[in-house]
Amino acid sequence: MPNGWLCEKLVECDEVTGVDVAEAAISDAKSRVPNVTFFAADFCSLDLPPARFDVALALEIFSHVPDQRGFVRQLAAVLKPRGHLILLTQNRLIYSRRSDIAPQGVGHVRCWVTMRQLRALVAPHFDVLRVYHGAERSSGLFAHGEFRQAQCSSVSGDTSPQDRLVKGTGWTRANAGHAGTAAR
């Protein structure tokens, strides 16, 4: 997928902000999707306004984050009360058994989690509402709040916002929850 591909789809729904640590990825995304705000930075150290976003997406990056607790805490901080989190990540039980995974490179973080570990990391900040399962590759979390379902029909033809954002992206398992009643 080209850099910024999901931002390009989501900007049809609302204002979008994209973050990546790779300067080259952000540069490419900015040239492809100029009407999106992009930051080339570590999300955990980025100074974003609190309670700014309705929805946060973390798609197959969670296993590459050195401070996963801090990452989830930052996601909760930038989401509005009852905001949505969609978090999709590799499934440790599957990936640890695969023979086609390249060895971990120097400086590359690889911290795959099980569904139980993912729920434990997310539970202090989010209420898990639903777990999504697809093939056998990944795990994830959808965090629920108020979401403008009708505005995002261009992402795909499915009926719910969770399904529209998860289906067709190549991830195979996602959980659901919302920021709100859990401690922030």
N, C-alpha and C. Protein backbone atom coordinates (compact mmCIF):
# COMPACT_ATOMS: atom_id res chain seq x y z
N MET A 1 0.84 -1.18 0.00
CA MET A 1 0.00 0.00 0.00
C MET A 1 0.89 1.25 0.00
N PRO A 2 0.50 2.25 -0.76
CA PRO A 2 1.28 3.49 -0.75
C PRO A 2 1.09 4.25 0.57
N ASN A 3 2.07 5.02 0.97
CA ASN A 3 1.99 5.80 2.20
C ASN A 3 0.80 6.75 2.16
N GLY A 4 0.05 6.80 3.27
CA GLY A 4 -1.10 7.68 3.37
C GLY A 4 -2.37 7.12 2.76
N TRP A 5 -2.38 5.84 2.37
CA TRP A 5 -3.54 5.28 1.68
C TRP A 5 -4.82 5.35 2.52
N LEU A 6 -4.73 5.08 3.81
CA LEU A 6 -5.94 5.11 4.63
C LEU A 6 -6.37 6.55 4.91
N CYS A 7 -5.42 7.43 5.14
CA CYS A 7 -5.75 8.85 5.32
C CYS A 7 -6.48 9.39 4.10
N GLU A 8 -6.06 8.95 2.94
CA GLU A 8 -6.70 9.38 1.69
C GLU A 8 -8.17 8.98 1.67
N LYS A 9 -8.48 7.80 2.18
CA LYS A 9 -9.88 7.34 2.25
C LYS A 9 -10.64 8.08 3.34
N LEU A 10 -10.03 8.24 4.50
CA LEU A 10 -10.72 8.81 5.66
C LEU A 10 -10.97 10.31 5.53
N VAL A 11 -10.14 11.01 4.78
CA VAL A 11 -10.32 12.46 4.64
C VAL A 11 -11.64 12.76 3.93
N GLU A 12 -12.20 11.78 3.23
CA GLU A 12 -13.52 11.95 2.62
C GLU A 12 -14.60 12.05 3.69
N CYS A 13 -14.31 11.54 4.92
CA CYS A 13 -15.27 11.54 6.02
C CYS A 13 -15.17 12.77 6.89
N ASP A 14 -13.94 13.21 7.17
CA ASP A 14 -13.74 14.27 8.14
C ASP A 14 -12.28 14.72 8.09
N GLU A 15 -11.91 15.60 9.00
CA GLU A 15 -10.53 16.05 9.15
C GLU A 15 -9.68 14.87 9.63
N VAL A 16 -8.46 14.75 9.10
CA VAL A 16 -7.60 13.61 9.41
C VAL A 16 -6.20 14.10 9.77
N THR A 17 -5.59 13.44 10.75
CA THR A 17 -4.20 13.67 11.13
C THR A 17 -3.48 12.34 11.06
N GLY A 18 -2.33 12.30 10.40
CA GLY A 18 -1.54 11.08 10.27
C GLY A 18 -0.19 11.25 10.94
N VAL A 19 0.29 10.17 11.59
CA VAL A 19 1.57 10.20 12.29
C VAL A 19 2.37 8.97 11.91
N ASP A 20 3.66 9.17 11.64
CA ASP A 20 4.58 8.06 11.39
C ASP A 20 5.97 8.53 11.80
N VAL A 21 6.79 7.62 12.31
CA VAL A 21 8.15 8.00 12.71
C VAL A 21 9.07 8.17 11.49
N ALA A 22 8.69 7.62 10.37
CA ALA A 22 9.55 7.65 9.18
C ALA A 22 9.31 8.93 8.37
N GLU A 23 10.32 9.78 8.31
CA GLU A 23 10.24 11.03 7.54
C GLU A 23 9.88 10.77 6.08
N ALA A 24 10.48 9.75 5.48
CA ALA A 24 10.23 9.45 4.07
C ALA A 24 8.77 9.06 3.84
N ALA A 25 8.20 8.28 4.76
CA ALA A 25 6.79 7.87 4.63
C ALA A 25 5.88 9.09 4.72
N ILE A 26 6.17 9.99 5.65
CA ILE A 26 5.35 11.19 5.81
C ILE A 26 5.51 12.11 4.60
N SER A 27 6.72 12.25 4.10
CA SER A 27 6.95 13.09 2.92
C SER A 27 6.14 12.57 1.73
N ASP A 28 6.18 11.26 1.53
CA ASP A 28 5.43 10.63 0.44
C ASP A 28 3.93 10.83 0.65
N ALA A 29 3.45 10.61 1.88
CA ALA A 29 2.02 10.76 2.18
C ALA A 29 1.57 12.20 1.96
N LYS A 30 2.38 13.17 2.38
CA LYS A 30 2.03 14.58 2.18
C LYS A 30 1.87 14.92 0.70
N SER A 31 2.73 14.35 -0.12
CA SER A 31 2.64 14.64 -1.56
C SER A 31 1.40 13.98 -2.18
N ARG A 32 0.99 12.85 -1.64
CA ARG A 32 -0.17 12.14 -2.17
C ARG A 32 -1.49 12.69 -1.63
N VAL A 33 -1.49 13.13 -0.36
CA VAL A 33 -2.73 13.56 0.30
C VAL A 33 -2.48 14.91 0.98
N PRO A 34 -2.42 15.98 0.21
CA PRO A 34 -2.05 17.28 0.78
C PRO A 34 -3.08 17.88 1.75
N ASN A 35 -4.31 17.41 1.74
CA ASN A 35 -5.34 17.97 2.61
C ASN A 35 -5.44 17.25 3.96
N VAL A 36 -4.40 16.50 4.33
CA VAL A 36 -4.31 15.83 5.63
C VAL A 36 -3.14 16.44 6.39
N THR A 37 -3.29 16.59 7.71
CA THR A 37 -2.20 17.05 8.56
C THR A 37 -1.35 15.85 8.93
N PHE A 38 -0.05 15.89 8.61
CA PHE A 38 0.86 14.78 8.91
C PHE A 38 1.96 15.24 9.85
N PHE A 39 2.39 14.33 10.72
CA PHE A 39 3.53 14.55 11.61
C PHE A 39 4.52 13.41 11.44
N ALA A 40 5.78 13.74 11.22
CA ALA A 40 6.85 12.75 11.23
C ALA A 40 7.42 12.78 12.64
N ALA A 41 6.93 11.90 13.50
CA ALA A 41 7.31 11.95 14.92
C ALA A 41 6.91 10.66 15.62
N ASP A 42 7.45 10.48 16.80
CA ASP A 42 7.03 9.40 17.69
C ASP A 42 5.71 9.84 18.33
N PHE A 43 4.66 9.10 18.09
CA PHE A 43 3.34 9.46 18.59
C PHE A 43 3.33 9.67 20.11
N CYS A 44 4.09 8.85 20.84
CA CYS A 44 4.10 8.95 22.31
C CYS A 44 4.68 10.26 22.80
N SER A 45 5.55 10.88 22.03
CA SER A 45 6.16 12.14 22.47
C SER A 45 5.58 13.36 21.74
N LEU A 46 4.63 13.14 20.86
CA LEU A 46 4.01 14.21 20.11
C LEU A 46 3.07 15.00 21.02
N ASP A 47 3.16 16.31 20.97
CA ASP A 47 2.35 17.18 21.82
C ASP A 47 1.03 17.53 21.12
N LEU A 48 0.09 16.59 21.18
CA LEU A 48 -1.22 16.80 20.58
C LEU A 48 -2.19 17.29 21.66
N PRO A 49 -3.17 18.09 21.28
CA PRO A 49 -4.13 18.58 22.28
C PRO A 49 -4.93 17.43 22.88
N PRO A 50 -5.22 17.48 24.17
CA PRO A 50 -6.03 16.43 24.79
C PRO A 50 -7.47 16.47 24.27
N ALA A 51 -8.09 15.29 24.24
CA ALA A 51 -9.50 15.15 23.84
C ALA A 51 -9.77 15.83 22.49
N ARG A 52 -8.87 15.67 21.55
CA ARG A 52 -8.96 16.35 20.24
C ARG A 52 -9.69 15.51 19.18
N PHE A 53 -9.55 14.19 19.24
CA PHE A 53 -9.99 13.34 18.15
C PHE A 53 -11.20 12.47 18.51
N ASP A 54 -12.05 12.25 17.52
CA ASP A 54 -13.19 11.35 17.66
C ASP A 54 -12.77 9.90 17.49
N VAL A 55 -11.79 9.66 16.61
CA VAL A 55 -11.36 8.31 16.27
C VAL A 55 -9.84 8.28 16.19
N ALA A 56 -9.24 7.22 16.71
CA ALA A 56 -7.80 6.98 16.55
C ALA A 56 -7.62 5.59 15.96
N LEU A 57 -6.75 5.50 14.97
CA LEU A 57 -6.45 4.22 14.31
C LEU A 57 -4.98 3.88 14.52
N ALA A 58 -4.71 2.65 14.89
CA ALA A 58 -3.34 2.15 14.99
C ALA A 58 -3.33 0.81 14.27
N LEU A 59 -2.87 0.81 13.03
CA LEU A 59 -2.99 -0.36 12.17
C LEU A 59 -1.65 -1.05 11.98
N GLU A 60 -1.50 -2.18 12.63
CA GLU A 60 -0.32 -3.04 12.57
C GLU A 60 0.98 -2.30 12.91
N ILE A 61 0.90 -1.37 13.84
CA ILE A 61 2.10 -0.70 14.33
C ILE A 61 2.37 -1.01 15.79
N PHE A 62 1.35 -1.49 16.50
CA PHE A 62 1.44 -1.68 17.94
C PHE A 62 2.62 -2.56 18.34
N SER A 63 2.88 -3.60 17.58
CA SER A 63 3.98 -4.51 17.90
C SER A 63 5.35 -3.88 17.70
N HIS A 64 5.41 -2.71 17.07
CA HIS A 64 6.67 -2.01 16.82
C HIS A 64 6.89 -0.84 17.78
N VAL A 65 5.99 -0.70 18.75
CA VAL A 65 6.06 0.40 19.71
C VAL A 65 6.79 -0.08 20.96
N PRO A 66 7.90 0.56 21.34
CA PRO A 66 8.65 0.11 22.51
C PRO A 66 7.89 0.29 23.83
N ASP A 67 7.11 1.35 23.95
CA ASP A 67 6.35 1.61 25.17
C ASP A 67 4.86 1.47 24.86
N GLN A 68 4.37 0.23 24.85
CA GLN A 68 2.99 -0.02 24.47
C GLN A 68 2.01 0.58 25.49
N ARG A 69 2.33 0.54 26.77
CA ARG A 69 1.45 1.15 27.78
C ARG A 69 1.36 2.67 27.56
N GLY A 70 2.49 3.31 27.30
CA GLY A 70 2.50 4.74 27.04
C GLY A 70 1.75 5.09 25.77
N PHE A 71 1.86 4.23 24.78
CA PHE A 71 1.16 4.42 23.51
C PHE A 71 -0.35 4.42 23.72
N VAL A 72 -0.84 3.43 24.47
CA VAL A 72 -2.27 3.34 24.75
C VAL A 72 -2.72 4.53 25.60
N ARG A 73 -1.91 4.90 26.56
CA ARG A 73 -2.22 6.06 27.40
C ARG A 73 -2.34 7.34 26.54
N GLN A 74 -1.42 7.53 25.60
CA GLN A 74 -1.46 8.69 24.71
C GLN A 74 -2.69 8.64 23.80
N LEU A 75 -3.03 7.45 23.31
CA LEU A 75 -4.25 7.32 22.50
C LEU A 75 -5.47 7.75 23.30
N ALA A 76 -5.56 7.30 24.54
CA ALA A 76 -6.69 7.68 25.40
C ALA A 76 -6.71 9.18 25.65
N ALA A 77 -5.54 9.77 25.81
CA ALA A 77 -5.46 11.20 26.10
C ALA A 77 -5.93 12.06 24.94
N VAL A 78 -5.66 11.66 23.72
CA VAL A 78 -6.01 12.49 22.57
C VAL A 78 -7.43 12.25 22.07
N LEU A 79 -8.05 11.18 22.55
CA LEU A 79 -9.43 10.91 22.15
C LEU A 79 -10.41 11.68 23.01
N LYS A 80 -11.49 12.12 22.38
CA LYS A 80 -12.58 12.74 23.11
C LYS A 80 -13.24 11.68 24.00
N PRO A 81 -13.92 12.10 25.06
CA PRO A 81 -14.65 11.11 25.87
C PRO A 81 -15.58 10.29 24.98
N ARG A 82 -15.55 9.01 25.19
CA ARG A 82 -16.31 8.02 24.40
C ARG A 82 -15.86 8.00 22.94
N GLY A 83 -14.62 8.45 22.69
CA GLY A 83 -14.06 8.39 21.34
C GLY A 83 -13.72 6.95 20.97
N HIS A 84 -13.49 6.72 19.71
CA HIS A 84 -13.22 5.39 19.17
C HIS A 84 -11.72 5.13 19.04
N LEU A 85 -11.32 3.94 19.38
CA LEU A 85 -9.97 3.47 19.07
C LEU A 85 -10.10 2.21 18.25
N ILE A 86 -9.41 2.17 17.12
CA ILE A 86 -9.32 0.95 16.32
C ILE A 86 -7.85 0.57 16.31
N LEU A 87 -7.54 -0.55 16.91
CA LEU A 87 -6.17 -1.00 17.04
C LEU A 87 -6.07 -2.41 16.50
N LEU A 88 -5.28 -2.57 15.45
CA LEU A 88 -5.06 -3.86 14.83
C LEU A 88 -3.58 -4.19 14.90
N THR A 89 -3.28 -5.41 15.32
CA THR A 89 -1.87 -5.77 15.46
C THR A 89 -1.68 -7.26 15.17
N GLN A 90 -0.45 -7.63 14.94
CA GLN A 90 -0.13 -9.02 14.66
C GLN A 90 -0.48 -9.89 15.87
N ASN A 91 -0.94 -11.09 15.59
CA ASN A 91 -1.31 -12.05 16.62
C ASN A 91 -0.07 -12.87 16.99
N ARG A 92 0.41 -12.70 18.23
CA ARG A 92 1.63 -13.38 18.66
C ARG A 92 1.54 -14.90 18.54
N LEU A 93 0.39 -15.46 18.85
CA LEU A 93 0.25 -16.91 18.78
C LEU A 93 0.44 -17.44 17.36
N ILE A 94 0.10 -16.64 16.38
CA ILE A 94 0.28 -17.04 14.98
C ILE A 94 1.69 -16.69 14.50
N TYR A 95 2.09 -15.44 14.69
CA TYR A 95 3.38 -14.98 14.16
C TYR A 95 4.57 -15.71 14.78
N SER A 96 4.48 -16.10 16.03
CA SER A 96 5.60 -16.79 16.66
C SER A 96 5.80 -18.20 16.08
N ARG A 97 4.82 -18.71 15.38
CA ARG A 97 4.91 -20.05 14.79
C ARG A 97 5.18 -20.04 13.29
N ARG A 98 5.16 -18.85 12.68
CA ARG A 98 5.34 -18.77 11.23
C ARG A 98 6.82 -18.91 10.86
N SER A 99 7.07 -19.59 9.75
CA SER A 99 8.45 -19.79 9.30
C SER A 99 8.87 -18.75 8.26
N ASP A 100 7.93 -17.94 7.80
CA ASP A 100 8.24 -16.99 6.74
C ASP A 100 8.49 -15.56 7.25
N ILE A 101 8.66 -15.41 8.56
CA ILE A 101 8.92 -14.09 9.14
C ILE A 101 10.43 -13.85 9.16
N ALA A 102 10.85 -12.74 8.58
CA ALA A 102 12.28 -12.40 8.55
C ALA A 102 12.78 -12.17 9.97
N PRO A 103 14.06 -12.44 10.21
CA PRO A 103 14.61 -12.16 11.54
C PRO A 103 14.48 -10.67 11.88
N GLN A 104 14.37 -10.39 13.15
CA GLN A 104 14.24 -9.01 13.61
C GLN A 104 15.51 -8.24 13.27
N GLY A 105 15.36 -7.11 12.61
CA GLY A 105 16.49 -6.30 12.22
C GLY A 105 17.03 -5.47 13.37
N VAL A 106 18.24 -4.99 13.20
CA VAL A 106 18.87 -4.14 14.21
C VAL A 106 18.04 -2.86 14.36
N GLY A 107 17.70 -2.52 15.58
CA GLY A 107 16.91 -1.33 15.86
C GLY A 107 15.43 -1.49 15.60
N HIS A 108 15.01 -2.65 15.18
CA HIS A 108 13.61 -2.92 14.87
C HIS A 108 12.93 -3.51 16.10
N VAL A 109 11.83 -2.90 16.54
CA VAL A 109 11.09 -3.40 17.70
C VAL A 109 10.06 -4.41 17.21
N ARG A 110 10.01 -5.54 17.89
CA ARG A 110 9.01 -6.56 17.58
C ARG A 110 8.50 -7.11 18.91
N CYS A 111 7.34 -6.65 19.31
CA CYS A 111 6.74 -7.09 20.55
C CYS A 111 5.30 -7.51 20.28
N TRP A 112 5.15 -8.71 19.72
CA TRP A 112 3.82 -9.22 19.42
C TRP A 112 3.11 -9.53 20.72
N VAL A 113 1.80 -9.32 20.75
CA VAL A 113 1.01 -9.58 21.95
C VAL A 113 -0.10 -10.57 21.65
N THR A 114 -0.52 -11.27 22.70
CA THR A 114 -1.69 -12.13 22.60
C THR A 114 -2.93 -11.27 22.82
N MET A 115 -4.09 -11.82 22.56
CA MET A 115 -5.33 -11.09 22.80
C MET A 115 -5.45 -10.74 24.29
N ARG A 116 -5.08 -11.66 25.15
CA ARG A 116 -5.13 -11.41 26.60
C ARG A 116 -4.21 -10.24 26.98
N GLN A 117 -3.00 -10.22 26.44
CA GLN A 117 -2.07 -9.12 26.73
C GLN A 117 -2.59 -7.79 26.19
N LEU A 118 -3.16 -7.83 24.99
CA LEU A 118 -3.69 -6.61 24.39
C LEU A 118 -4.83 -6.06 25.25
N ARG A 119 -5.72 -6.92 25.66
CA ARG A 119 -6.84 -6.47 26.52
C ARG A 119 -6.30 -5.88 27.82
N ALA A 120 -5.29 -6.50 28.42
CA ALA A 120 -4.73 -5.99 29.67
C ALA A 120 -4.08 -4.62 29.49
N LEU A 121 -3.44 -4.40 28.35
CA LEU A 121 -2.82 -3.11 28.08
C LEU A 121 -3.85 -2.01 27.84
N VAL A 122 -4.96 -2.37 27.25
CA VAL A 122 -5.97 -1.40 26.86
C VAL A 122 -6.98 -1.14 27.99
N ALA A 123 -7.24 -2.13 28.82
CA ALA A 123 -8.30 -2.06 29.84
C ALA A 123 -8.23 -0.85 30.78
N PRO A 124 -7.06 -0.36 31.19
CA PRO A 124 -7.06 0.80 32.08
C PRO A 124 -7.64 2.08 31.45
N HIS A 125 -7.74 2.12 30.13
CA HIS A 125 -8.15 3.34 29.44
C HIS A 125 -9.40 3.19 28.58
N PHE A 126 -9.73 1.97 28.21
CA PHE A 126 -10.82 1.73 27.27
C PHE A 126 -11.68 0.57 27.73
N ASP A 127 -12.95 0.64 27.36
CA ASP A 127 -13.87 -0.48 27.55
C ASP A 127 -13.89 -1.27 26.25
N VAL A 128 -13.53 -2.53 26.30
CA VAL A 128 -13.54 -3.37 25.10
C VAL A 128 -14.97 -3.81 24.87
N LEU A 129 -15.48 -3.48 23.70
CA LEU A 129 -16.87 -3.79 23.35
C LEU A 129 -17.00 -5.03 22.50
N ARG A 130 -16.03 -5.25 21.61
CA ARG A 130 -16.18 -6.35 20.66
C ARG A 130 -14.82 -6.79 20.15
N VAL A 131 -14.69 -8.08 19.91
CA VAL A 131 -13.50 -8.63 19.29
C VAL A 131 -13.88 -9.09 17.89
N TYR A 132 -13.09 -8.66 16.93
CA TYR A 132 -13.31 -9.05 15.54
C TYR A 132 -12.29 -10.10 15.16
N HIS A 133 -12.73 -11.11 14.44
CA HIS A 133 -11.85 -12.17 13.97
C HIS A 133 -12.01 -12.30 12.46
N GLY A 134 -10.88 -12.50 11.79
CA GLY A 134 -10.91 -12.74 10.36
C GLY A 134 -10.17 -14.04 10.10
N ALA A 135 -9.10 -13.98 9.32
CA ALA A 135 -8.30 -15.16 9.06
C ALA A 135 -7.53 -15.50 10.32
N GLU A 136 -6.24 -15.73 10.24
CA GLU A 136 -5.52 -16.13 11.45
C GLU A 136 -4.35 -15.22 11.80
N ARG A 137 -4.20 -14.10 11.14
CA ARG A 137 -2.98 -13.33 11.21
C ARG A 137 -2.85 -12.35 12.36
N SER A 138 -3.88 -11.61 12.68
CA SER A 138 -3.72 -10.46 13.55
C SER A 138 -4.70 -10.41 14.70
N SER A 139 -4.43 -9.50 15.63
CA SER A 139 -5.32 -9.21 16.75
C SER A 139 -5.58 -7.72 16.73
N GLY A 140 -6.63 -7.29 17.37
CA GLY A 140 -6.85 -5.86 17.37
C GLY A 140 -7.94 -5.42 18.30
N LEU A 141 -8.17 -4.14 18.31
CA LEU A 141 -9.14 -3.56 19.21
C LEU A 141 -9.86 -2.41 18.54
N PHE A 142 -11.18 -2.41 18.63
CA PHE A 142 -11.97 -1.27 18.18
C PHE A 142 -12.56 -0.62 19.41
N ALA A 143 -12.33 0.66 19.57
CA ALA A 143 -12.84 1.38 20.72
C ALA A 143 -13.99 2.26 20.29
N HIS A 144 -15.10 2.18 20.97
CA HIS A 144 -16.37 2.73 20.51
C HIS A 144 -16.78 4.01 21.22
N GLY A 145 -17.38 4.91 20.49
CA GLY A 145 -17.99 6.12 21.02
C GLY A 145 -18.99 6.61 19.99
N GLU A 146 -19.16 7.89 19.86
CA GLU A 146 -20.06 8.45 18.85
C GLU A 146 -19.30 8.54 17.53
N PHE A 147 -19.81 7.95 16.47
CA PHE A 147 -19.13 7.95 15.19
C PHE A 147 -20.15 8.23 14.09
N ARG A 148 -19.84 9.13 13.18
CA ARG A 148 -20.77 9.49 12.12
C ARG A 148 -20.75 8.44 11.03
N GLN A 149 -21.60 7.44 11.21
CA GLN A 149 -21.63 6.28 10.32
C GLN A 149 -21.91 6.67 8.87
N ALA A 150 -22.89 7.49 8.62
CA ALA A 150 -23.30 7.79 7.26
C ALA A 150 -22.23 8.53 6.47
N GLN A 151 -21.39 9.32 7.13
CA GLN A 151 -20.40 10.11 6.42
C GLN A 151 -19.25 9.28 5.86
N CYS A 152 -19.07 8.09 6.34
CA CYS A 152 -17.90 7.31 5.93
C CYS A 152 -18.24 6.17 5.00
N SER A 153 -19.35 6.22 4.31
CA SER A 153 -19.73 5.12 3.43
C SER A 153 -18.75 4.96 2.27
N SER A 154 -17.94 5.98 2.00
CA SER A 154 -16.99 5.88 0.90
C SER A 154 -15.80 4.97 1.23
N VAL A 155 -15.58 4.65 2.52
CA VAL A 155 -14.46 3.78 2.87
C VAL A 155 -14.73 2.38 2.35
N SER A 156 -15.96 1.88 2.54
CA SER A 156 -16.38 0.62 1.95
C SER A 156 -17.90 0.55 2.04
N GLY A 157 -18.47 -0.50 1.53
CA GLY A 157 -19.93 -0.59 1.50
C GLY A 157 -20.55 -1.26 2.70
N ASP A 158 -19.81 -1.57 3.74
CA ASP A 158 -20.37 -2.26 4.90
C ASP A 158 -21.24 -1.33 5.73
N THR A 159 -22.03 -1.90 6.64
CA THR A 159 -23.03 -1.13 7.34
C THR A 159 -22.55 -0.47 8.62
N SER A 160 -21.57 -1.01 9.31
CA SER A 160 -21.14 -0.39 10.56
C SER A 160 -19.78 0.27 10.38
N PRO A 161 -19.48 1.32 11.17
CA PRO A 161 -18.18 1.98 11.02
C PRO A 161 -17.02 1.04 11.33
N GLN A 162 -17.21 0.14 12.30
CA GLN A 162 -16.14 -0.81 12.63
C GLN A 162 -15.83 -1.68 11.42
N ASP A 163 -16.89 -2.25 10.80
CA ASP A 163 -16.69 -3.12 9.66
C ASP A 163 -16.08 -2.37 8.50
N ARG A 164 -16.51 -1.14 8.24
CA ARG A 164 -15.97 -0.37 7.13
C ARG A 164 -14.49 -0.14 7.31
N LEU A 165 -14.03 0.12 8.52
CA LEU A 165 -12.64 0.45 8.72
C LEU A 165 -11.75 -0.78 8.87
N VAL A 166 -12.35 -1.93 9.19
CA VAL A 166 -11.55 -3.14 9.39
C VAL A 166 -11.52 -4.01 8.15
N LYS A 167 -12.66 -4.21 7.50
CA LYS A 167 -12.71 -5.12 6.35
C LYS A 167 -11.89 -4.57 5.20
N GLY A 168 -11.23 -5.44 4.51
CA GLY A 168 -10.48 -5.06 3.33
C GLY A 168 -9.13 -4.45 3.62
N THR A 169 -8.72 -4.37 4.87
CA THR A 169 -7.44 -3.77 5.18
C THR A 169 -6.36 -4.82 5.38
N GLY A 170 -6.70 -6.11 5.38
CA GLY A 170 -5.70 -7.15 5.51
C GLY A 170 -5.50 -7.62 6.94
N TRP A 171 -6.15 -6.98 7.90
CA TRP A 171 -6.03 -7.43 9.28
C TRP A 171 -7.12 -8.42 9.56
N THR A 172 -6.88 -9.31 10.48
CA THR A 172 -7.78 -10.42 10.60
C THR A 172 -8.48 -10.53 11.94
N ARG A 173 -8.09 -9.77 12.93
CA ARG A 173 -8.77 -9.83 14.21
C ARG A 173 -8.72 -8.46 14.86
N ALA A 174 -9.84 -7.99 15.34
CA ALA A 174 -9.88 -6.70 16.01
C ALA A 174 -10.83 -6.75 17.20
N ASN A 175 -10.51 -6.04 18.26
CA ASN A 175 -11.38 -5.92 19.43
C ASN A 175 -12.12 -4.60 19.35
N ALA A 176 -13.16 -4.45 20.15
CA ALA A 176 -13.90 -3.19 20.18
C ALA A 176 -14.02 -2.69 21.60
N GLY A 177 -13.92 -1.38 21.76
CA GLY A 177 -14.07 -0.76 23.07
C GLY A 177 -14.19 0.74 22.94
N HIS A 178 -14.42 1.44 24.04
CA HIS A 178 -14.49 2.90 23.95
C HIS A 178 -13.84 3.56 25.16
N ALA A 179 -13.33 4.76 24.93
CA ALA A 179 -12.79 5.56 26.01
C ALA A 179 -13.99 6.14 26.76
N GLY A 180 -13.91 6.20 28.03
CA GLY A 180 -15.03 6.79 28.75
C GLY A 180 -15.05 6.39 30.21
N THR A 181 -15.56 5.19 30.50
CA THR A 181 -15.74 4.81 31.89
C THR A 181 -14.44 4.35 32.53
N ALA A 182 -13.51 3.84 31.74
CA ALA A 182 -12.22 3.42 32.30
C ALA A 182 -11.41 4.67 32.68
N ALA A 183 -10.51 4.53 33.63
CA ALA A 183 -9.68 5.67 34.07
C ALA A 183 -8.87 6.19 32.89
N ARG A 184 -8.70 7.49 32.83
CA ARG A 184 -7.91 8.10 31.74
C ARG A 184 -6.56 8.43 32.23
